[in-house]
Amino acid sequence: MCTGFVSLAKRFSKPRTFDFCPLQNADFEIPTHLNNTVIVKTTDGKILAYTEAISLVLDNMFLPFRIVNILLKISPKSIRNKGYIFIAKNRYQWFGKNETCQVIK
């Protein structure tokens, strides 16, 4: 799922909007409780995870992804994060498992 998300974000956003790397190769320290999620490090150094990270990526993609982001923001953050965690827990069963996230150039 990681490679698919990276591919989707690169395909539907302006060039050089994002720099992706597998968590194993991040150039910043990742808190242990976030070692298995989407993480975004903003240009000002803030670390975003779970639906906050997804929301930032969606907001920087083309339509219809921005609309999806608006629809997601309608629900409370706690509910969004529960949905995220549900998908995360089942993603290997649904999509298979890779040991690392492939970076799409």
PDB file of N, CA and C in Angstrom:
ATOM      1  N   MET A   1       0.828  -1.187   0.000  1.00  0.00           N
ATOM      2  CA  MET A   1       0.000   0.000   0.000  1.00  0.00           C
ATOM      3  C   MET A   1       0.871   1.249   0.000  1.00  0.00           C
ATOM      4  N   CYS A   2       2.011   1.184   0.649  1.00  0.00           N
ATOM      5  CA  CYS A   2       2.923   2.320   0.714  1.00  0.00           C
ATOM      6  C   CYS A   2       3.365   2.750  -0.684  1.00  0.00           C
ATOM      7  N   THR A   3       3.831   1.799  -1.465  1.00  0.00           N
ATOM      8  CA  THR A   3       4.281   2.111  -2.818  1.00  0.00           C
ATOM      9  C   THR A   3       3.136   2.670  -3.648  1.00  0.00           C
ATOM     10  N   GLY A   4       1.946   2.130  -3.477  1.00  0.00           N
ATOM     11  CA  GLY A   4       0.785   2.638  -4.198  1.00  0.00           C
ATOM     12  C   GLY A   4       0.457   4.068  -3.817  1.00  0.00           C
ATOM     13  N   PHE A   5       0.531   4.389  -2.531  1.00  0.00           N
ATOM     14  CA  PHE A   5       0.251   5.752  -2.071  1.00  0.00           C
ATOM     15  C   PHE A   5       1.285   6.733  -2.607  1.00  0.00           C
ATOM     16  N   VAL A   6       2.550   6.356  -2.549  1.00  0.00           N
ATOM     17  CA  VAL A   6       3.617   7.215  -3.066  1.00  0.00           C
ATOM     18  C   VAL A   6       3.432   7.441  -4.556  1.00  0.00           C
ATOM     19  N   SER A   7       3.148   6.393  -5.284  1.00  0.00           N
ATOM     20  CA  SER A   7       2.935   6.495  -6.725  1.00  0.00           C
ATOM     21  C   SER A   7       1.761   7.428  -7.037  1.00  0.00           C
ATOM     22  N   LEU A   8       0.671   7.273  -6.317  1.00  0.00           N
ATOM     23  CA  LEU A   8      -0.507   8.113  -6.511  1.00  0.00           C
ATOM     24  C   LEU A   8      -0.194   9.579  -6.214  1.00  0.00           C
ATOM     25  N   ALA A   9       0.486   9.830  -5.117  1.00  0.00           N
ATOM     26  CA  ALA A   9       0.821  11.209  -4.738  1.00  0.00           C
ATOM     27  C   ALA A   9       1.750  11.852  -5.758  1.00  0.00           C
ATOM     28  N   LYS A  10       2.731  11.124  -6.235  1.00  0.00           N
ATOM     29  CA  LYS A  10       3.646  11.684  -7.243  1.00  0.00           C
ATOM     30  C   LYS A  10       2.928  11.934  -8.565  1.00  0.00           C
ATOM     31  N   ARG A  11       2.039  11.048  -8.934  1.00  0.00           N
ATOM     32  CA  ARG A  11       1.342  11.174 -10.217  1.00  0.00           C
ATOM     33  C   ARG A  11       0.366  12.347 -10.243  1.00  0.00           C
ATOM     34  N   PHE A  12      -0.266  12.634  -9.106  1.00  0.00           N
ATOM     35  CA  PHE A  12      -1.322  13.635  -9.072  1.00  0.00           C
ATOM     36  C   PHE A  12      -0.964  14.883  -8.270  1.00  0.00           C
ATOM     37  N   SER A  13       0.317  15.218  -8.219  1.00  0.00           N
ATOM     38  CA  SER A  13       0.739  16.468  -7.598  1.00  0.00           C
ATOM     39  C   SER A  13       1.783  17.134  -8.494  1.00  0.00           C
ATOM     40  N   LYS A  14       2.033  18.408  -8.240  1.00  0.00           N
ATOM     41  CA  LYS A  14       3.030  19.123  -9.031  1.00  0.00           C
ATOM     42  C   LYS A  14       4.410  18.500  -8.801  1.00  0.00           C
ATOM     43  N   PRO A  15       5.258  18.528  -9.835  1.00  0.00           N
ATOM     44  CA  PRO A  15       6.620  17.993  -9.654  1.00  0.00           C
ATOM     45  C   PRO A  15       7.339  18.669  -8.485  1.00  0.00           C
ATOM     46  N   ARG A  16       8.109  17.892  -7.782  1.00  0.00           N
ATOM     47  CA  ARG A  16       8.927  18.342  -6.659  1.00  0.00           C
ATOM     48  C   ARG A  16       8.113  18.876  -5.475  1.00  0.00           C
ATOM     49  N   THR A  17       6.821  18.501  -5.395  1.00  0.00           N
ATOM     50  CA  THR A  17       6.013  18.878  -4.238  1.00  0.00           C
ATOM     51  C   THR A  17       6.433  18.064  -3.021  1.00  0.00           C
ATOM     52  N   PHE A  18       6.746  16.790  -3.248  1.00  0.00           N
ATOM     53  CA  PHE A  18       7.089  15.873  -2.164  1.00  0.00           C
ATOM     54  C   PHE A  18       8.406  15.178  -2.455  1.00  0.00           C
ATOM     55  N   ASP A  19       9.144  14.884  -1.392  1.00  0.00           N
ATOM     56  CA  ASP A  19      10.290  13.988  -1.447  1.00  0.00           C
ATOM     57  C   ASP A  19       9.924  12.798  -0.572  1.00  0.00           C
ATOM     58  N   PHE A  20       9.917  11.619  -1.154  1.00  0.00           N
ATOM     59  CA  PHE A  20       9.530  10.416  -0.423  1.00  0.00           C
ATOM     60  C   PHE A  20      10.743   9.573  -0.105  1.00  0.00           C
ATOM     61  N   CYS A  21      10.687   8.914   1.044  1.00  0.00           N
ATOM     62  CA  CYS A  21      11.706   7.919   1.379  1.00  0.00           C
ATOM     63  C   CYS A  21      11.066   6.891   2.306  1.00  0.00           C
ATOM     64  N   PRO A  22      11.565   5.667   2.280  1.00  0.00           N
ATOM     65  CA  PRO A  22      11.070   4.671   3.240  1.00  0.00           C
ATOM     66  C   PRO A  22      11.420   5.117   4.662  1.00  0.00           C
ATOM     67  N   LEU A  23      10.603   4.730   5.621  1.00  0.00           N
ATOM     68  CA  LEU A  23      10.879   5.106   7.011  1.00  0.00           C
ATOM     69  C   LEU A  23      12.266   4.645   7.448  1.00  0.00           C
ATOM     70  N   GLN A  24      12.723   3.527   6.880  1.00  0.00           N
ATOM     71  CA  GLN A  24      14.027   2.981   7.249  1.00  0.00           C
ATOM     72  C   GLN A  24      15.163   3.925   6.843  1.00  0.00           C
ATOM     73  N   ASN A  25      14.925   4.832   5.878  1.00  0.00           N
ATOM     74  CA  ASN A  25      15.965   5.726   5.375  1.00  0.00           C
ATOM     75  C   ASN A  25      15.707   7.190   5.709  1.00  0.00           C
ATOM     76  N   ALA A  26      14.794   7.463   6.622  1.00  0.00           N
ATOM     77  CA  ALA A  26      14.469   8.852   6.955  1.00  0.00           C
ATOM     78  C   ALA A  26      15.680   9.552   7.558  1.00  0.00           C
ATOM     79  N   ASP A  27      15.816  10.843   7.243  1.00  0.00           N
ATOM     80  CA  ASP A  27      16.950  11.612   7.754  1.00  0.00           C
ATOM     81  C   ASP A  27      16.580  12.348   9.050  1.00  0.00           C
ATOM     82  N   PHE A  28      15.553  11.883   9.727  1.00  0.00           N
ATOM     83  CA  PHE A  28      15.154  12.434  11.011  1.00  0.00           C
ATOM     84  C   PHE A  28      14.681  11.285  11.893  1.00  0.00           C
ATOM     85  N   GLU A  29      14.684  11.512  13.209  1.00  0.00           N
ATOM     86  CA  GLU A  29      14.297  10.447  14.127  1.00  0.00           C
ATOM     87  C   GLU A  29      12.780  10.291  14.143  1.00  0.00           C
ATOM     88  N   ILE A  30      12.341   9.063  14.011  1.00  0.00           N
ATOM     89  CA  ILE A  30      10.919   8.754  14.001  1.00  0.00           C
ATOM     90  C   ILE A  30      10.548   8.152  15.350  1.00  0.00           C
ATOM     91  N   PRO A  31       9.595   8.763  16.049  1.00  0.00           N
ATOM     92  CA  PRO A  31       9.162   8.185  17.328  1.00  0.00           C
ATOM     93  C   PRO A  31       8.710   6.737  17.140  1.00  0.00           C
ATOM     94  N   THR A  32       9.025   5.882  18.095  1.00  0.00           N
ATOM     95  CA  THR A  32       8.748   4.448  17.997  1.00  0.00           C
ATOM     96  C   THR A  32       7.282   4.161  17.699  1.00  0.00           C
ATOM     97  N   HIS A  33       6.375   4.907  18.296  1.00  0.00           N
ATOM     98  CA  HIS A  33       4.947   4.634  18.094  1.00  0.00           C
ATOM     99  C   HIS A  33       4.470   5.021  16.687  1.00  0.00           C
ATOM    100  N   LEU A  34       5.330   5.655  15.896  1.00  0.00           N
ATOM    101  CA  LEU A  34       4.973   6.040  14.534  1.00  0.00           C
ATOM    102  C   LEU A  34       5.744   5.259  13.476  1.00  0.00           C
ATOM    103  N   ASN A  35       6.332   4.138  13.845  1.00  0.00           N
ATOM    104  CA  ASN A  35       7.210   3.425  12.920  1.00  0.00           C
ATOM    105  C   ASN A  35       6.474   2.625  11.851  1.00  0.00           C
ATOM    106  N   ASN A  36       5.150   2.689  11.817  1.00  0.00           N
ATOM    107  CA  ASN A  36       4.412   1.889  10.848  1.00  0.00           C
ATOM    108  C   ASN A  36       3.235   2.676  10.275  1.00  0.00           C
ATOM    109  N   THR A  37       3.502   3.919   9.911  1.00  0.00           N
ATOM    110  CA  THR A  37       2.443   4.785   9.414  1.00  0.00           C
ATOM    111  C   THR A  37       2.998   5.761   8.387  1.00  0.00           C
ATOM    112  N   VAL A  38       2.108   6.490   7.736  1.00  0.00           N
ATOM    113  CA  VAL A  38       2.537   7.569   6.847  1.00  0.00           C
ATOM    114  C   VAL A  38       2.982   8.730   7.716  1.00  0.00           C
ATOM    115  N   ILE A  39       4.173   9.229   7.444  1.00  0.00           N
ATOM    116  CA  ILE A  39       4.713  10.361   8.194  1.00  0.00           C
ATOM    117  C   ILE A  39       5.133  11.425   7.199  1.00  0.00           C
ATOM    118  N   VAL A  40       4.821  12.670   7.530  1.00  0.00           N
ATOM    119  CA  VAL A  40       5.249  13.804   6.712  1.00  0.00           C
ATOM    120  C   VAL A  40       6.055  14.738   7.597  1.00  0.00           C
ATOM    121  N   LYS A  41       7.223  15.109   7.105  1.00  0.00           N
ATOM    122  CA  LYS A  41       8.015  16.139   7.772  1.00  0.00           C
ATOM    123  C   LYS A  41       7.865  17.399   6.935  1.00  0.00           C
ATOM    124  N   THR A  42       7.290  18.440   7.527  1.00  0.00           N
ATOM    125  CA  THR A  42       7.043  19.681   6.795  1.00  0.00           C
ATOM    126  C   THR A  42       8.339  20.468   6.650  1.00  0.00           C
ATOM    127  N   THR A  43       8.303  21.476   5.799  1.00  0.00           N
ATOM    128  CA  THR A  43       9.513  22.289   5.579  1.00  0.00           C
ATOM    129  C   THR A  43       9.938  23.022   6.845  1.00  0.00           C
ATOM    130  N   ASP A  44       9.018  23.249   7.777  1.00  0.00           N
ATOM    131  CA  ASP A  44       9.394  23.898   9.037  1.00  0.00           C
ATOM    132  C   ASP A  44       9.747  22.887  10.137  1.00  0.00           C
ATOM    133  N   GLY A  45       9.859  21.597   9.761  1.00  0.00           N
ATOM    134  CA  GLY A  45      10.320  20.568  10.678  1.00  0.00           C
ATOM    135  C   GLY A  45       9.249  19.873  11.488  1.00  0.00           C
ATOM    136  N   LYS A  46       8.000  20.226  11.306  1.00  0.00           N
ATOM    137  CA  LYS A  46       6.914  19.590  12.046  1.00  0.00           C
ATOM    138  C   LYS A  46       6.680  18.179  11.509  1.00  0.00           C
ATOM    139  N   ILE A  47       6.443  17.223  12.422  1.00  0.00           N
ATOM    140  CA  ILE A  47       6.179  15.841  12.049  1.00  0.00           C
ATOM    141  C   ILE A  47       4.664  15.601  12.118  1.00  0.00           C
ATOM    142  N   LEU A  48       4.089  15.174  11.008  1.00  0.00           N
ATOM    143  CA  LEU A  48       2.662  14.843  10.947  1.00  0.00           C
ATOM    144  C   LEU A  48       2.518  13.346  10.707  1.00  0.00           C
ATOM    145  N   ALA A  49       1.508  12.751  11.311  1.00  0.00           N
ATOM    146  CA  ALA A  49       1.279  11.311  11.137  1.00  0.00           C
ATOM    147  C   ALA A  49      -0.216  11.048  11.018  1.00  0.00           C
ATOM    148  N   TYR A  50      -0.510   9.810  10.653  1.00  0.00           N
ATOM    149  CA  TYR A  50      -1.888   9.344  10.507  1.00  0.00           C
ATOM    150  C   TYR A  50      -2.649  10.242   9.533  1.00  0.00           C
ATOM    151  N   THR A  51      -3.873  10.626   9.891  1.00  0.00           N
ATOM    152  CA  THR A  51      -4.699  11.376   8.948  1.00  0.00           C
ATOM    153  C   THR A  51      -4.201  12.798   8.726  1.00  0.00           C
ATOM    154  N   GLU A  52      -3.438  13.357   9.659  1.00  0.00           N
ATOM    155  CA  GLU A  52      -2.870  14.691   9.418  1.00  0.00           C
ATOM    156  C   GLU A  52      -1.877  14.639   8.258  1.00  0.00           C
ATOM    157  N   ALA A  53      -1.082  13.590   8.202  1.00  0.00           N
ATOM    158  CA  ALA A  53      -0.122  13.420   7.107  1.00  0.00           C
ATOM    159  C   ALA A  53      -0.845  13.179   5.790  1.00  0.00           C
ATOM    160  N   ILE A  54      -1.830  12.293   5.805  1.00  0.00           N
ATOM    161  CA  ILE A  54      -2.601  12.014   4.596  1.00  0.00           C
ATOM    162  C   ILE A  54      -3.287  13.278   4.102  1.00  0.00           C
ATOM    163  N   SER A  55      -3.845  14.050   5.027  1.00  0.00           N
ATOM    164  CA  SER A  55      -4.559  15.275   4.675  1.00  0.00           C
ATOM    165  C   SER A  55      -3.632  16.286   3.992  1.00  0.00           C
ATOM    166  N   LEU A  56      -2.431  16.433   4.509  1.00  0.00           N
ATOM    167  CA  LEU A  56      -1.486  17.368   3.888  1.00  0.00           C
ATOM    168  C   LEU A  56      -1.136  16.923   2.474  1.00  0.00           C
ATOM    169  N   VAL A  57      -0.930  15.635   2.280  1.00  0.00           N
ATOM    170  CA  VAL A  57      -0.626  15.122   0.943  1.00  0.00           C
ATOM    171  C   VAL A  57      -1.820  15.335   0.009  1.00  0.00           C
ATOM    172  N   LEU A  58      -3.016  14.952   0.452  1.00  0.00           N
ATOM    173  CA  LEU A  58      -4.207  15.126  -0.382  1.00  0.00           C
ATOM    174  C   LEU A  58      -4.434  16.593  -0.741  1.00  0.00           C
ATOM    175  N   ASP A  59      -4.169  17.476   0.195  1.00  0.00           N
ATOM    176  CA  ASP A  59      -4.377  18.910  -0.030  1.00  0.00           C
ATOM    177  C   ASP A  59      -3.421  19.471  -1.078  1.00  0.00           C
ATOM    178  N   ASN A  60      -2.315  18.799  -1.296  1.00  0.00           N
ATOM    179  CA  ASN A  60      -1.332  19.248  -2.288  1.00  0.00           C
ATOM    180  C   ASN A  60      -1.410  18.468  -3.592  1.00  0.00           C
ATOM    181  N   MET A  61      -2.458  17.683  -3.740  1.00  0.00           N
ATOM    182  CA  MET A  61      -2.672  16.940  -4.974  1.00  0.00           C
ATOM    183  C   MET A  61      -3.755  17.638  -5.796  1.00  0.00           C
ATOM    184  N   PHE A  62      -3.922  17.214  -7.034  1.00  0.00           N
ATOM    185  CA  PHE A  62      -4.930  17.787  -7.915  1.00  0.00           C
ATOM    186  C   PHE A  62      -6.323  17.270  -7.542  1.00  0.00           C
ATOM    187  N   LEU A  63      -7.337  17.906  -8.153  1.00  0.00           N
ATOM    188  CA  LEU A  63      -8.706  17.399  -7.994  1.00  0.00           C
ATOM    189  C   LEU A  63      -8.770  15.983  -8.552  1.00  0.00           C
ATOM    190  N   PRO A  64      -9.523  15.111  -8.037  1.00  0.00           N
ATOM    191  CA  PRO A  64     -10.539  15.208  -6.992  1.00  0.00           C
ATOM    192  C   PRO A  64      -9.986  14.968  -5.588  1.00  0.00           C
ATOM    193  N   PHE A  65      -8.671  14.821  -5.448  1.00  0.00           N
ATOM    194  CA  PHE A  65      -8.090  14.477  -4.152  1.00  0.00           C
ATOM    195  C   PHE A  65      -8.296  15.582  -3.120  1.00  0.00           C
ATOM    196  N   ARG A  66      -8.306  16.829  -3.551  1.00  0.00           N
ATOM    197  CA  ARG A  66      -8.577  17.927  -2.613  1.00  0.00           C
ATOM    198  C   ARG A  66     -10.000  17.853  -2.087  1.00  0.00           C
ATOM    199  N   ILE A  67     -10.915  17.439  -2.941  1.00  0.00           N
ATOM    200  CA  ILE A  67     -12.309  17.275  -2.500  1.00  0.00           C
ATOM    201  C   ILE A  67     -12.407  16.134  -1.491  1.00  0.00           C
ATOM    202  N   VAL A  68     -11.705  15.048  -1.756  1.00  0.00           N
ATOM    203  CA  VAL A  68     -11.672  13.925  -0.798  1.00  0.00           C
ATOM    204  C   VAL A  68     -11.150  14.419   0.540  1.00  0.00           C
ATOM    205  N   ASN A  69     -10.131  15.257   0.512  1.00  0.00           N
ATOM    206  CA  ASN A  69      -9.564  15.801   1.743  1.00  0.00           C
ATOM    207  C   ASN A  69     -10.601  16.639   2.498  1.00  0.00           C
ATOM    208  N   ILE A  70     -11.342  17.460   1.792  1.00  0.00           N
ATOM    209  CA  ILE A  70     -12.383  18.275   2.430  1.00  0.00           C
ATOM    210  C   ILE A  70     -13.431  17.380   3.076  1.00  0.00           C
ATOM    211  N   LEU A  71     -13.831  16.340   2.365  1.00  0.00           N
ATOM    212  CA  LEU A  71     -14.823  15.411   2.919  1.00  0.00           C
ATOM    213  C   LEU A  71     -14.294  14.692   4.155  1.00  0.00           C
ATOM    214  N   LEU A  72     -13.017  14.327   4.147  1.00  0.00           N
ATOM    215  CA  LEU A  72     -12.434  13.675   5.322  1.00  0.00           C
ATOM    216  C   LEU A  72     -12.392  14.616   6.517  1.00  0.00           C
ATOM    217  N   LYS A  73     -12.115  15.887   6.264  1.00  0.00           N
ATOM    218  CA  LYS A  73     -12.000  16.856   7.363  1.00  0.00           C
ATOM    219  C   LYS A  73     -13.337  17.156   8.027  1.00  0.00           C
ATOM    220  N   ILE A  74     -14.434  16.794   7.382  1.00  0.00           N
ATOM    221  CA  ILE A  74     -15.751  17.011   7.984  1.00  0.00           C
ATOM    222  C   ILE A  74     -15.916  16.169   9.241  1.00  0.00           C
ATOM    223  N   SER A  75     -15.380  14.955   9.217  1.00  0.00           N
ATOM    224  CA  SER A  75     -15.502  14.087  10.389  1.00  0.00           C
ATOM    225  C   SER A  75     -14.443  14.452  11.432  1.00  0.00           C
ATOM    226  N   PRO A  76     -14.740  14.220  12.706  1.00  0.00           N
ATOM    227  CA  PRO A  76     -13.777  14.529  13.770  1.00  0.00           C
ATOM    228  C   PRO A  76     -12.473  13.747  13.595  1.00  0.00           C
ATOM    229  N   LYS A  77     -11.393  14.352  14.032  1.00  0.00           N
ATOM    230  CA  LYS A  77     -10.062  13.737  13.909  1.00  0.00           C
ATOM    231  C   LYS A  77     -10.013  12.355  14.558  1.00  0.00           C
ATOM    232  N   SER A  78     -10.669  12.189  15.691  1.00  0.00           N
ATOM    233  CA  SER A  78     -10.631  10.886  16.377  1.00  0.00           C
ATOM    234  C   SER A  78     -11.271   9.794  15.521  1.00  0.00           C
ATOM    235  N   ILE A  79     -12.343  10.125  14.822  1.00  0.00           N
ATOM    236  CA  ILE A  79     -12.996   9.147  13.944  1.00  0.00           C
ATOM    237  C   ILE A  79     -12.136   8.878  12.717  1.00  0.00           C
ATOM    238  N   ARG A  80     -11.547   9.938  12.139  1.00  0.00           N
ATOM    239  CA  ARG A  80     -10.652   9.748  10.985  1.00  0.00           C
ATOM    240  C   ARG A  80      -9.501   8.826  11.358  1.00  0.00           C
ATOM    241  N   ASN A  81      -8.895   9.071  12.526  1.00  0.00           N
ATOM    242  CA  ASN A  81      -7.755   8.257  12.942  1.00  0.00           C
ATOM    243  C   ASN A  81      -8.165   6.806  13.210  1.00  0.00           C
ATOM    244  N   LYS A  82      -9.364   6.579  13.737  1.00  0.00           N
ATOM    245  CA  LYS A  82      -9.831   5.203  13.939  1.00  0.00           C
ATOM    246  C   LYS A  82      -9.986   4.497  12.590  1.00  0.00           C
ATOM    247  N   GLY A  83     -10.511   5.209  11.596  1.00  0.00           N
ATOM    248  CA  GLY A  83     -10.616   4.639  10.250  1.00  0.00           C
ATOM    249  C   GLY A  83      -9.249   4.335   9.668  1.00  0.00           C
ATOM    250  N   TYR A  84      -8.301   5.253   9.881  1.00  0.00           N
ATOM    251  CA  TYR A  84      -6.929   5.059   9.403  1.00  0.00           C
ATOM    252  C   TYR A  84      -6.331   3.806  10.043  1.00  0.00           C
ATOM    253  N   ILE A  85      -6.484   3.693  11.353  1.00  0.00           N
ATOM    254  CA  ILE A  85      -5.916   2.549  12.081  1.00  0.00           C
ATOM    255  C   ILE A  85      -6.563   1.247  11.619  1.00  0.00           C
ATOM    256  N   PHE A  86      -7.876   1.252  11.359  1.00  0.00           N
ATOM    257  CA  PHE A  86      -8.558   0.060  10.845  1.00  0.00           C
ATOM    258  C   PHE A  86      -7.958  -0.373   9.512  1.00  0.00           C
ATOM    259  N   ILE A  87      -7.767   0.580   8.613  1.00  0.00           N
ATOM    260  CA  ILE A  87      -7.162   0.267   7.308  1.00  0.00           C
ATOM    261  C   ILE A  87      -5.734  -0.225   7.496  1.00  0.00           C
ATOM    262  N   ALA A  88      -4.976   0.446   8.360  1.00  0.00           N
ATOM    263  CA  ALA A  88      -3.581   0.060   8.599  1.00  0.00           C
ATOM    264  C   ALA A  88      -3.479  -1.370   9.139  1.00  0.00           C
ATOM    265  N   LYS A  89      -4.391  -1.735  10.034  1.00  0.00           N
ATOM    266  CA  LYS A  89      -4.352  -3.086  10.609  1.00  0.00           C
ATOM    267  C   LYS A  89      -4.680  -4.165   9.579  1.00  0.00           C
ATOM    268  N   ASN A  90      -5.453  -3.824   8.585  1.00  0.00           N
ATOM    269  CA  ASN A  90      -5.905  -4.814   7.598  1.00  0.00           C
ATOM    270  C   ASN A  90      -5.190  -4.722   6.255  1.00  0.00           C
ATOM    271  N   ARG A  91      -4.309  -3.756   6.084  1.00  0.00           N
ATOM    272  CA  ARG A  91      -3.718  -3.523   4.759  1.00  0.00           C
ATOM    273  C   ARG A  91      -2.904  -4.699   4.244  1.00  0.00           C
ATOM    274  N   TYR A  92      -2.200  -5.414   5.105  1.00  0.00           N
ATOM    275  CA  TYR A  92      -1.396  -6.545   4.630  1.00  0.00           C
ATOM    276  C   TYR A  92      -2.296  -7.659   4.115  1.00  0.00           C
ATOM    277  N   GLN A  93      -3.407  -7.878   4.801  1.00  0.00           N
ATOM    278  CA  GLN A  93      -4.357  -8.900   4.355  1.00  0.00           C
ATOM    279  C   GLN A  93      -4.980  -8.499   3.019  1.00  0.00           C
ATOM    280  N   TRP A  94      -5.278  -7.227   2.847  1.00  0.00           N
ATOM    281  CA  TRP A  94      -5.939  -6.754   1.633  1.00  0.00           C
ATOM    282  C   TRP A  94      -4.982  -6.549   0.466  1.00  0.00           C
ATOM    283  N   PHE A  95      -3.771  -6.007   0.742  1.00  0.00           N
ATOM    284  CA  PHE A  95      -2.862  -5.599  -0.328  1.00  0.00           C
ATOM    285  C   PHE A  95      -1.543  -6.357  -0.368  1.00  0.00           C
ATOM    286  N   GLY A  96      -1.278  -7.208   0.617  1.00  0.00           N
ATOM    287  CA  GLY A  96       0.005  -7.899   0.684  1.00  0.00           C
ATOM    288  C   GLY A  96       1.012  -7.050   1.433  1.00  0.00           C
ATOM    289  N   LYS A  97       2.190  -7.620   1.682  1.00  0.00           N
ATOM    290  CA  LYS A  97       3.192  -6.925   2.494  1.00  0.00           C
ATOM    291  C   LYS A  97       4.531  -6.874   1.773  1.00  0.00           C
ATOM    292  N   ASN A  98       5.129  -5.691   1.776  1.00  0.00           N
ATOM    293  CA  ASN A  98       6.508  -5.496   1.324  1.00  0.00           C
ATOM    294  C   ASN A  98       7.346  -5.157   2.543  1.00  0.00           C
ATOM    295  N   GLU A  99       8.579  -5.588   2.549  1.00  0.00           N
ATOM    296  CA  GLU A  99       9.452  -5.286   3.690  1.00  0.00           C
ATOM    297  C   GLU A  99       9.806  -3.809   3.770  1.00  0.00           C
ATOM    298  N   THR A 100       9.922  -3.161   2.629  1.00  0.00           N
ATOM    299  CA  THR A 100      10.216  -1.732   2.606  1.00  0.00           C
ATOM    300  C   THR A 100       9.306  -1.055   1.592  1.00  0.00           C
ATOM    301  N   CYS A 101       9.172   0.235   1.736  1.00  0.00           N
ATOM    302  CA  CYS A 101       8.392   1.030   0.796  1.00  0.00           C
ATOM    303  C   CYS A 101       9.299   1.417  -0.362  1.00  0.00           C
ATOM    304  N   GLN A 102       8.904   1.059  -1.544  1.00  0.00           N
ATOM    305  CA  GLN A 102       9.689   1.400  -2.721  1.00  0.00           C
ATOM    306  C   GLN A 102       9.489   2.878  -3.031  1.00  0.00           C
ATOM    307  N   VAL A 103      10.579   3.582  -3.265  1.00  0.00           N
ATOM    308  CA  VAL A 103      10.493   4.991  -3.619  1.00  0.00           C
ATOM    309  C   VAL A 103      10.354   5.093  -5.130  1.00  0.00           C
ATOM    310  N   ILE A 104       9.341   5.803  -5.571  1.00  0.00           N
ATOM    311  CA  ILE A 104       9.079   5.991  -6.999  1.00  0.00           C
ATOM    312  C   ILE A 104       9.787   7.265  -7.432  1.00  0.00           C
ATOM    313  N   LYS A 105      10.663   7.169  -8.390  1.00  0.00           N
ATOM    314  CA  LYS A 105      11.383   8.364  -8.881  1.00  0.00           C
ATOM    315  C   LYS A 105      10.598   9.065  -9.960  1.00  0.00           C
TER     316      LYS A 105
END
